[in-house]
N, C-alpha and C. Protein backbone atom coordinates (compact mmCIF):
# COMPACT_ATOMS: atom_id res chain seq x y z
N MET A 1 102.19 95.84 121.95
CA MET A 1 100.77 96.11 121.27
C MET A 1 101.13 96.44 119.63
N LYS A 2 100.08 95.91 118.99
CA LYS A 2 100.37 95.95 117.50
C LYS A 2 100.26 97.42 117.03
N GLU A 3 101.13 97.70 115.96
CA GLU A 3 101.01 99.07 115.41
C GLU A 3 100.03 99.15 114.44
N PHE A 4 99.19 100.28 114.36
CA PHE A 4 98.20 100.47 113.42
C PHE A 4 98.62 101.64 112.56
N GLY A 5 98.21 101.37 111.28
CA GLY A 5 98.59 102.50 110.18
C GLY A 5 99.36 101.89 109.09
N GLY A 6 99.69 102.89 108.31
CA GLY A 6 100.44 102.40 107.06
C GLY A 6 100.12 103.19 105.83
N PRO A 7 100.38 102.63 104.65
CA PRO A 7 99.79 103.32 103.45
C PRO A 7 98.31 103.22 103.25
N ALA A 8 97.88 104.37 102.87
CA ALA A 8 96.33 104.33 102.66
C ALA A 8 95.88 104.30 101.20
N ALA A 9 94.84 103.56 101.13
CA ALA A 9 94.05 103.51 99.82
C ALA A 9 92.79 104.15 99.97
N PHE A 10 92.11 105.04 99.15
CA PHE A 10 90.99 105.86 99.29
C PHE A 10 89.90 105.22 98.29
N ILE A 11 88.88 104.88 98.85
CA ILE A 11 87.57 104.39 97.98
C ILE A 11 86.45 105.48 98.46
N ASP A 12 86.17 106.28 97.44
CA ASP A 12 85.34 107.44 97.71
C ASP A 12 83.87 107.14 97.43
N ARG A 13 83.45 106.27 98.28
CA ARG A 13 81.95 105.82 98.07
C ARG A 13 81.39 105.44 99.47
N SER A 14 80.12 105.68 99.65
CA SER A 14 79.41 105.21 100.82
C SER A 14 78.60 103.83 100.50
N ASP A 15 78.25 103.23 101.50
CA ASP A 15 77.52 101.94 101.50
C ASP A 15 78.33 100.89 100.80
N ILE A 16 79.38 100.77 100.99
CA ILE A 16 80.14 99.54 100.44
C ILE A 16 79.77 98.39 101.36
N ASN A 17 79.14 97.39 100.63
CA ASN A 17 78.58 96.16 101.57
C ASN A 17 79.50 95.01 101.45
N THR A 18 79.23 94.09 102.36
CA THR A 18 80.07 92.98 102.53
C THR A 18 80.31 92.03 101.27
N ASP A 19 79.25 92.03 100.47
CA ASP A 19 79.40 91.39 99.15
C ASP A 19 80.40 91.97 98.24
N GLU A 20 80.57 93.23 98.33
CA GLU A 20 81.62 93.89 97.58
C GLU A 20 82.97 93.83 98.14
N ILE A 21 83.01 93.60 99.58
CA ILE A 21 84.25 93.37 100.24
C ILE A 21 84.85 92.13 100.04
N ILE A 22 84.01 90.97 100.09
CA ILE A 22 84.23 89.68 99.70
C ILE A 22 83.07 89.07 99.02
N PRO A 23 82.88 88.72 97.75
CA PRO A 23 81.85 88.22 97.11
C PRO A 23 81.45 86.79 97.80
N ALA A 24 80.03 86.65 97.78
CA ALA A 24 79.52 85.42 98.57
C ALA A 24 79.96 84.03 98.00
N ARG A 25 80.30 84.01 96.70
CA ARG A 25 80.76 82.87 95.97
C ARG A 25 82.03 82.27 96.82
N TYR A 26 82.77 83.08 97.53
CA TYR A 26 84.00 82.58 98.25
C TYR A 26 83.70 82.22 99.56
N LEU A 27 82.56 82.19 100.16
CA LEU A 27 82.16 81.99 101.58
C LEU A 27 82.34 80.35 101.90
N THR A 28 82.57 79.58 101.04
CA THR A 28 82.78 78.11 101.16
C THR A 28 84.25 77.81 101.45
N GLU A 29 85.11 78.78 101.20
CA GLU A 29 86.57 78.62 101.47
C GLU A 29 86.81 78.33 102.77
N ILE A 30 87.67 77.41 103.25
CA ILE A 30 87.98 76.95 104.65
C ILE A 30 89.18 77.61 105.11
N SER A 31 89.81 78.46 104.62
CA SER A 31 90.90 79.28 105.18
C SER A 31 90.84 80.76 104.83
N LYS A 32 91.31 81.62 105.71
CA LYS A 32 91.30 82.96 105.55
C LYS A 32 92.28 83.17 104.32
N ALA A 33 93.42 82.51 104.16
CA ALA A 33 94.41 82.62 103.01
C ALA A 33 93.64 82.55 101.63
N ALA A 34 92.67 81.69 101.58
CA ALA A 34 91.96 81.38 100.34
C ALA A 34 91.17 82.67 99.86
N LEU A 35 90.71 83.47 100.92
CA LEU A 35 90.04 84.61 100.56
C LEU A 35 90.96 85.92 99.96
N LYS A 36 92.20 85.80 100.25
CA LYS A 36 93.06 86.96 100.05
C LYS A 36 92.98 87.51 98.50
N PRO A 37 93.04 86.79 97.44
CA PRO A 37 92.97 87.49 96.22
C PRO A 37 91.61 88.05 95.80
N HIS A 38 90.70 87.97 96.60
CA HIS A 38 89.27 88.34 96.24
C HIS A 38 88.86 89.65 96.95
N LEU A 39 89.76 90.29 97.74
CA LEU A 39 89.40 91.50 98.25
C LEU A 39 88.76 92.61 97.30
N LEU A 40 87.65 93.18 97.67
CA LEU A 40 86.97 94.10 96.71
C LEU A 40 86.83 93.70 95.31
N GLU A 41 86.84 92.35 94.98
CA GLU A 41 86.78 91.91 93.60
C GLU A 41 85.55 92.38 92.94
N ASP A 42 84.43 92.34 93.60
CA ASP A 42 83.12 92.93 93.06
C ASP A 42 82.77 94.26 93.34
N LEU A 43 83.63 95.13 93.65
CA LEU A 43 83.41 96.65 93.88
C LEU A 43 83.37 97.29 92.68
N HIS A 44 82.49 97.85 92.13
CA HIS A 44 82.38 98.70 91.00
C HIS A 44 82.14 100.12 91.26
N LEU A 45 83.06 101.02 91.00
CA LEU A 45 83.01 102.33 91.14
C LEU A 45 82.76 103.15 89.71
N GLU A 46 82.15 104.25 89.87
CA GLU A 46 82.03 105.01 88.65
C GLU A 46 83.37 105.50 88.25
N GLY A 47 83.75 105.32 87.00
CA GLY A 47 85.06 105.69 86.52
C GLY A 47 86.12 104.55 86.74
N GLY A 48 85.62 103.35 87.21
CA GLY A 48 86.29 102.20 87.36
C GLY A 48 87.11 102.02 88.69
N PHE A 49 87.50 100.68 88.95
CA PHE A 49 88.16 100.39 90.17
C PHE A 49 88.84 99.09 89.84
N ASP A 50 90.13 99.07 90.26
CA ASP A 50 90.94 97.78 90.10
C ASP A 50 91.47 97.40 91.28
N PRO A 51 90.89 96.26 91.86
CA PRO A 51 91.21 95.78 93.24
C PRO A 51 92.65 95.17 93.26
N GLN A 52 93.17 95.03 92.02
CA GLN A 52 94.61 94.64 92.01
C GLN A 52 95.71 95.62 91.86
N SER A 53 95.17 96.98 91.98
CA SER A 53 96.12 98.19 91.70
C SER A 53 96.99 98.10 92.91
N GLU A 54 98.23 98.84 92.58
CA GLU A 54 99.32 98.98 93.63
C GLU A 54 98.70 99.63 94.94
N GLU A 55 97.94 100.45 94.67
CA GLU A 55 97.45 101.33 96.01
C GLU A 55 96.67 100.42 96.88
N ILE A 56 95.78 99.58 96.29
CA ILE A 56 94.94 98.63 97.07
C ILE A 56 95.80 97.51 97.63
N GLN A 57 96.71 96.88 96.78
CA GLN A 57 97.61 95.75 97.22
C GLN A 57 98.64 96.11 98.27
N ASN A 58 98.97 97.52 98.27
CA ASN A 58 99.98 97.98 99.44
C ASN A 58 99.37 98.50 100.54
N ALA A 59 98.02 98.83 100.63
CA ALA A 59 97.34 99.44 101.60
C ALA A 59 97.41 98.64 102.85
N ARG A 60 97.52 99.39 103.92
CA ARG A 60 97.32 98.88 105.34
C ARG A 60 96.13 99.62 105.93
N VAL A 61 95.73 100.74 105.26
CA VAL A 61 94.61 101.49 105.72
C VAL A 61 93.56 101.73 104.68
N LEU A 62 92.36 101.52 104.82
CA LEU A 62 91.35 102.09 103.84
C LEU A 62 90.67 103.12 104.32
N VAL A 63 90.39 104.19 103.41
CA VAL A 63 89.71 105.33 103.86
C VAL A 63 88.51 105.31 102.76
N THR A 64 87.14 105.47 103.35
CA THR A 64 86.14 105.24 102.66
C THR A 64 85.04 106.30 103.23
N ARG A 65 83.82 106.22 102.81
CA ARG A 65 82.90 107.17 103.29
C ARG A 65 81.78 106.43 104.32
N SER A 66 80.54 106.58 104.27
CA SER A 66 79.71 106.23 105.50
C SER A 66 79.31 104.82 105.25
N ASN A 67 78.85 104.07 106.37
CA ASN A 67 77.99 102.94 106.30
C ASN A 67 78.94 101.87 105.65
N PHE A 68 80.22 101.81 105.91
CA PHE A 68 81.09 100.77 105.51
C PHE A 68 80.66 99.36 106.08
N GLY A 69 80.61 98.34 105.27
CA GLY A 69 80.45 97.02 105.88
C GLY A 69 78.93 96.64 105.96
N CYS A 70 77.90 97.35 105.33
CA CYS A 70 76.65 97.11 105.34
C CYS A 70 76.33 95.68 104.66
N GLY A 71 75.14 95.28 104.94
CA GLY A 71 74.89 93.96 104.37
C GLY A 71 74.93 92.83 105.30
N SER A 72 75.32 91.76 104.79
CA SER A 72 75.47 90.50 105.59
C SER A 72 76.41 90.62 106.76
N SER A 73 76.15 90.09 107.99
CA SER A 73 76.99 90.24 109.11
C SER A 73 78.18 89.18 109.20
N ARG A 74 78.40 88.47 108.07
CA ARG A 74 79.46 87.51 108.23
C ARG A 74 80.83 88.01 108.41
N GLU A 75 81.58 87.25 109.14
CA GLU A 75 82.94 87.59 109.46
C GLU A 75 83.95 87.62 108.21
N HIS A 76 83.66 86.83 107.21
CA HIS A 76 84.58 86.69 106.08
C HIS A 76 84.93 88.16 105.49
N ALA A 77 84.07 89.05 105.58
CA ALA A 77 84.42 90.33 105.00
C ALA A 77 85.55 91.11 105.89
N VAL A 78 85.59 90.82 107.19
CA VAL A 78 86.61 91.28 108.03
C VAL A 78 87.89 90.50 107.98
N TRP A 79 87.60 89.25 107.70
CA TRP A 79 88.84 88.22 107.46
C TRP A 79 89.66 88.51 106.32
N VAL A 80 88.81 89.04 105.16
CA VAL A 80 89.62 89.29 103.96
C VAL A 80 90.37 90.58 104.07
N LEU A 81 89.89 91.47 104.97
CA LEU A 81 90.70 92.60 105.35
C LEU A 81 91.93 92.17 105.99
N GLU A 82 91.73 91.47 107.00
CA GLU A 82 92.92 91.04 107.93
C GLU A 82 93.98 90.23 107.07
N VAL A 83 93.63 89.25 106.21
CA VAL A 83 94.58 88.49 105.47
C VAL A 83 95.34 89.22 104.34
N ASN A 84 94.79 90.58 104.13
CA ASN A 84 95.40 91.39 103.17
C ASN A 84 96.24 92.37 103.87
N GLY A 85 96.32 92.30 105.20
CA GLY A 85 97.16 93.34 105.99
C GLY A 85 96.39 94.59 106.39
N ILE A 86 95.17 94.82 106.08
CA ILE A 86 94.44 95.98 106.33
C ILE A 86 94.29 95.97 107.85
N ASN A 87 94.81 97.00 108.56
CA ASN A 87 94.71 97.01 110.09
C ASN A 87 93.81 98.24 110.47
N VAL A 88 93.47 99.10 109.62
CA VAL A 88 92.68 100.22 109.95
C VAL A 88 91.68 100.45 108.83
N VAL A 89 90.43 100.68 109.21
CA VAL A 89 89.48 101.37 108.12
C VAL A 89 88.99 102.61 108.73
N ILE A 90 89.02 103.71 108.02
CA ILE A 90 88.53 104.87 108.33
C ILE A 90 87.27 105.29 107.46
N ALA A 91 86.22 105.72 108.29
CA ALA A 91 84.95 106.00 107.73
C ALA A 91 84.24 106.98 108.47
N GLU A 92 83.02 107.47 108.03
CA GLU A 92 82.30 108.38 108.67
C GLU A 92 81.40 107.42 109.59
N SER A 93 81.09 106.29 109.10
CA SER A 93 80.34 105.31 109.92
C SER A 93 80.47 103.93 109.44
N PHE A 94 80.09 102.80 110.25
CA PHE A 94 80.25 101.54 109.82
C PHE A 94 79.03 100.79 110.22
N ALA A 95 78.66 99.80 109.47
CA ALA A 95 77.51 98.90 109.79
C ALA A 95 77.91 98.33 111.27
N ARG A 96 76.79 98.39 112.16
CA ARG A 96 77.09 97.96 113.62
C ARG A 96 77.83 96.58 113.74
N ILE A 97 77.21 95.55 113.21
CA ILE A 97 77.86 94.21 113.34
C ILE A 97 79.23 94.12 112.75
N PHE A 98 79.34 94.70 111.39
CA PHE A 98 80.75 94.65 110.91
C PHE A 98 81.74 95.58 111.62
N ARG A 99 81.39 96.60 112.32
CA ARG A 99 82.33 97.20 113.20
C ARG A 99 82.74 96.36 114.29
N GLN A 100 81.76 95.77 114.97
CA GLN A 100 82.16 94.85 116.02
C GLN A 100 83.11 93.74 115.68
N ASN A 101 82.92 93.22 114.43
CA ASN A 101 83.66 92.11 114.03
C ASN A 101 85.01 92.46 113.66
N MET A 102 85.22 93.89 113.32
CA MET A 102 86.55 94.34 113.13
C MET A 102 87.31 94.40 114.46
N PHE A 103 86.80 94.90 115.45
CA PHE A 103 87.29 95.01 116.75
C PHE A 103 87.66 93.67 117.33
N ASN A 104 86.73 92.69 117.01
CA ASN A 104 86.74 91.24 117.52
C ASN A 104 88.09 90.67 116.99
N CYS A 105 88.29 91.05 115.61
CA CYS A 105 89.36 90.55 114.91
C CYS A 105 90.81 91.38 115.13
N GLY A 106 90.72 92.49 115.89
CA GLY A 106 91.90 93.19 116.13
C GLY A 106 92.16 94.22 115.13
N ILE A 107 91.16 94.71 114.41
CA ILE A 107 91.35 95.61 113.34
C ILE A 107 90.62 96.95 113.66
N LEU A 108 91.36 98.02 113.45
CA LEU A 108 90.77 99.35 113.99
C LEU A 108 89.67 99.86 113.20
N ALA A 109 88.49 100.33 113.76
CA ALA A 109 87.59 100.86 112.84
C ALA A 109 87.49 102.37 113.46
N VAL A 110 87.94 103.33 112.66
CA VAL A 110 87.98 104.75 113.15
C VAL A 110 86.72 105.63 112.50
N GLU A 111 85.97 106.00 113.21
CA GLU A 111 85.04 106.89 112.68
C GLU A 111 85.41 108.42 112.73
N LEU A 112 85.29 109.13 111.74
CA LEU A 112 85.73 110.46 111.63
C LEU A 112 84.44 111.25 111.27
N ALA A 113 84.44 112.46 111.79
CA ALA A 113 83.43 113.43 111.43
C ALA A 113 83.63 113.70 109.96
N LYS A 114 82.36 114.08 109.27
CA LYS A 114 82.43 114.32 107.79
C LYS A 114 83.41 115.30 107.37
N HIS A 115 83.56 116.29 108.17
CA HIS A 115 84.37 117.38 107.79
C HIS A 115 86.02 117.06 107.75
N ASP A 116 86.21 116.23 108.84
CA ASP A 116 87.62 115.53 108.86
C ASP A 116 87.82 114.61 107.72
N LEU A 117 86.80 113.81 107.56
CA LEU A 117 86.91 112.75 106.38
C LEU A 117 87.16 113.45 105.06
N ASP A 118 86.35 114.56 104.77
CA ASP A 118 86.64 115.22 103.68
C ASP A 118 87.88 115.81 103.59
N ARG A 119 88.43 116.41 104.63
CA ARG A 119 89.91 116.88 104.52
C ARG A 119 90.92 115.85 104.23
N LEU A 120 90.56 114.74 104.77
CA LEU A 120 91.54 113.46 104.49
C LEU A 120 91.42 113.09 102.97
N PHE A 121 90.33 113.17 102.37
CA PHE A 121 90.19 112.87 100.98
C PHE A 121 90.87 113.95 100.09
N LYS A 122 91.14 115.09 100.59
CA LYS A 122 91.76 116.17 99.84
C LYS A 122 93.21 116.22 99.75
N LEU A 123 93.66 115.16 100.73
CA LEU A 123 95.29 115.11 100.59
C LEU A 123 95.61 114.35 99.27
N GLN A 124 96.66 115.02 98.67
CA GLN A 124 97.24 114.63 97.27
C GLN A 124 98.25 113.59 97.45
N GLY A 125 98.56 112.83 96.47
CA GLY A 125 99.55 111.92 96.61
C GLY A 125 99.56 110.79 97.26
N LYS A 126 100.60 110.11 97.56
CA LYS A 126 100.51 108.76 98.42
C LYS A 126 100.53 109.15 99.80
N VAL A 127 99.50 108.70 100.52
CA VAL A 127 99.21 109.05 101.88
C VAL A 127 99.56 107.82 102.92
N HIS A 128 100.18 108.19 103.98
CA HIS A 128 100.68 107.35 104.97
C HIS A 128 99.84 107.63 106.26
N VAL A 129 99.29 106.79 107.09
CA VAL A 129 98.48 107.23 108.16
C VAL A 129 99.14 106.38 109.32
N ALA A 130 99.49 107.32 110.37
CA ALA A 130 99.81 106.74 111.71
C ALA A 130 98.78 106.88 112.63
N VAL A 131 98.56 105.98 113.60
CA VAL A 131 97.59 106.07 114.64
C VAL A 131 98.18 105.95 115.83
N ASP A 132 97.75 106.95 116.71
CA ASP A 132 98.28 107.02 118.20
C ASP A 132 96.96 106.61 119.01
N LEU A 133 97.00 105.31 119.36
CA LEU A 133 95.84 104.84 120.05
C LEU A 133 95.64 105.43 121.45
N ASP A 134 96.71 105.70 122.09
CA ASP A 134 96.52 106.25 123.44
C ASP A 134 95.94 107.66 123.43
N ALA A 135 96.43 108.55 122.38
CA ALA A 135 96.04 109.96 122.37
C ALA A 135 94.57 109.95 121.27
N GLU A 136 94.27 108.74 120.91
CA GLU A 136 93.04 108.74 120.05
C GLU A 136 93.18 109.79 118.92
N GLN A 137 94.11 109.73 118.00
CA GLN A 137 94.29 110.45 116.98
C GLN A 137 95.09 109.90 115.87
N LEU A 138 94.79 110.24 114.61
CA LEU A 138 95.44 109.80 113.51
C LEU A 138 96.30 111.02 112.94
N ILE A 139 97.36 110.58 112.19
CA ILE A 139 98.13 111.57 111.65
C ILE A 139 98.36 111.14 110.10
N ALA A 140 97.96 111.86 109.21
CA ALA A 140 97.92 111.42 107.79
C ALA A 140 98.98 112.37 107.25
N SER A 141 99.85 111.79 106.51
CA SER A 141 100.87 112.71 105.86
C SER A 141 100.91 112.09 104.48
N SER A 142 101.21 113.25 103.55
CA SER A 142 101.30 112.93 102.05
C SER A 142 102.69 113.04 101.59
N ASP A 143 103.02 112.40 100.62
CA ASP A 143 104.43 112.48 99.93
C ASP A 143 104.77 113.82 99.52
N ASN A 144 103.67 114.64 99.27
CA ASN A 144 104.01 116.08 98.79
C ASN A 144 104.23 117.08 99.99
N GLY A 145 104.37 116.41 101.19
CA GLY A 145 104.38 117.30 102.37
C GLY A 145 103.39 117.76 103.19
N SER A 146 102.11 117.60 102.69
CA SER A 146 101.03 118.07 103.56
C SER A 146 100.69 117.11 104.56
N SER A 147 99.96 117.49 105.61
CA SER A 147 99.70 116.45 106.73
C SER A 147 98.32 117.00 107.40
N LEU A 148 97.75 116.09 108.08
CA LEU A 148 96.58 116.35 108.83
C LEU A 148 96.58 115.56 110.01
N THR A 149 96.01 116.10 111.19
CA THR A 149 95.76 115.33 112.32
C THR A 149 94.26 115.25 112.65
N CYS A 150 93.82 114.14 112.97
CA CYS A 150 92.39 114.09 113.33
C CYS A 150 92.06 113.23 114.56
N PRO A 151 91.32 113.89 115.54
CA PRO A 151 91.02 113.03 116.59
C PRO A 151 89.82 112.06 116.23
N PHE A 152 89.88 111.00 117.13
CA PHE A 152 88.68 110.13 117.12
C PHE A 152 88.43 109.53 118.41
N SER A 153 87.39 108.88 118.71
CA SER A 153 87.17 108.39 120.04
C SER A 153 86.77 106.87 120.01
N LEU A 154 87.22 106.07 121.01
CA LEU A 154 86.80 104.70 121.16
C LEU A 154 86.27 104.49 122.48
N ASN A 155 85.32 103.54 122.56
CA ASN A 155 84.86 103.28 123.97
C ASN A 155 85.94 102.40 124.59
N PRO A 156 85.79 102.29 126.03
CA PRO A 156 86.96 101.57 126.57
C PRO A 156 86.97 100.28 126.29
N PHE A 157 85.86 99.68 126.16
CA PHE A 157 86.01 98.04 125.80
C PHE A 157 86.77 97.90 124.48
N ASP A 158 86.11 98.63 123.41
CA ASP A 158 86.78 98.37 122.10
C ASP A 158 88.29 98.80 122.05
N LYS A 159 88.68 99.73 122.90
CA LYS A 159 90.20 100.13 122.98
C LYS A 159 90.87 98.97 123.64
N GLN A 160 90.38 98.26 124.60
CA GLN A 160 90.87 96.99 125.13
C GLN A 160 91.10 96.09 124.34
N LEU A 161 89.84 95.63 123.42
CA LEU A 161 90.08 94.69 122.28
C LEU A 161 91.17 94.94 121.50
N ILE A 162 91.27 96.10 120.96
CA ILE A 162 92.31 96.49 119.90
C ILE A 162 93.65 96.38 120.59
N ALA A 163 93.80 96.80 121.72
CA ALA A 163 95.11 96.69 122.43
C ALA A 163 95.60 95.35 122.57
N ALA A 164 94.61 94.47 122.85
CA ALA A 164 94.86 93.06 123.16
C ALA A 164 95.13 92.39 121.83
N GLY A 165 94.59 92.77 120.74
CA GLY A 165 94.83 92.13 119.43
C GLY A 165 93.69 91.31 118.92
N GLY A 166 92.37 91.68 119.63
CA GLY A 166 91.28 91.10 119.26
C GLY A 166 90.52 90.35 120.23
N TRP A 167 89.28 89.82 120.09
CA TRP A 167 88.70 89.27 121.14
C TRP A 167 89.34 87.98 121.83
N LEU A 168 89.77 87.15 121.00
CA LEU A 168 90.36 85.87 121.40
C LEU A 168 91.72 86.23 122.36
N ALA A 169 92.59 87.11 121.81
CA ALA A 169 93.60 87.47 122.68
C ALA A 169 93.20 88.23 124.02
N TYR A 170 92.06 88.95 123.81
CA TYR A 170 91.57 89.62 124.93
C TYR A 170 91.09 88.61 126.16
N ALA A 171 90.35 87.64 125.60
CA ALA A 171 89.77 86.58 126.41
C ALA A 171 90.93 85.71 127.06
N ASP A 172 91.95 85.28 126.23
CA ASP A 172 92.95 84.66 126.68
C ASP A 172 93.74 85.37 128.02
N ALA A 173 93.68 86.79 127.75
CA ALA A 173 94.44 87.32 128.81
C ALA A 173 93.57 87.65 130.07
N LYS A 174 92.22 87.71 129.91
CA LYS A 174 91.35 88.05 131.00
C LYS A 174 90.83 86.78 131.77
N TYR A 175 90.54 85.66 130.98
CA TYR A 175 89.81 84.74 131.56
C TYR A 175 90.70 83.32 131.72
């Protein structure tokens, strides 16, 4: 089974929509690889945001606020995460179709209670997140020595999709 976790990037905003994850002007690309350099290209945050920053480029985990992936239901927004090596997104909530597209592509969508998410955002320094899928918990540790364990829950079918590596791998194994 695929390992989930890695270096985390924090985006402290709710309602990040699919046009901010991958701008619509790139939806004519015919390969996932062509999407890669455009992850979060149109995301604008108060105080600035650089999608080419080392934090974003090295991230395997994104930590954000509520309603991540709202807007259009296209899969390109999940594909750009996948092609950039993002294997986990942690948020208070996700847009319903976007969340299911993540599971279908084998990317873990972890919903945390607001108080746990707030505690995660308070970690200082470079943060690494490890996910224990069987125990349904994540362990976040900072390079300054602080750490945090947060429980999460998945429905059994989504857990099977993730364990299989996404919908296609699940279907190949089951049908």
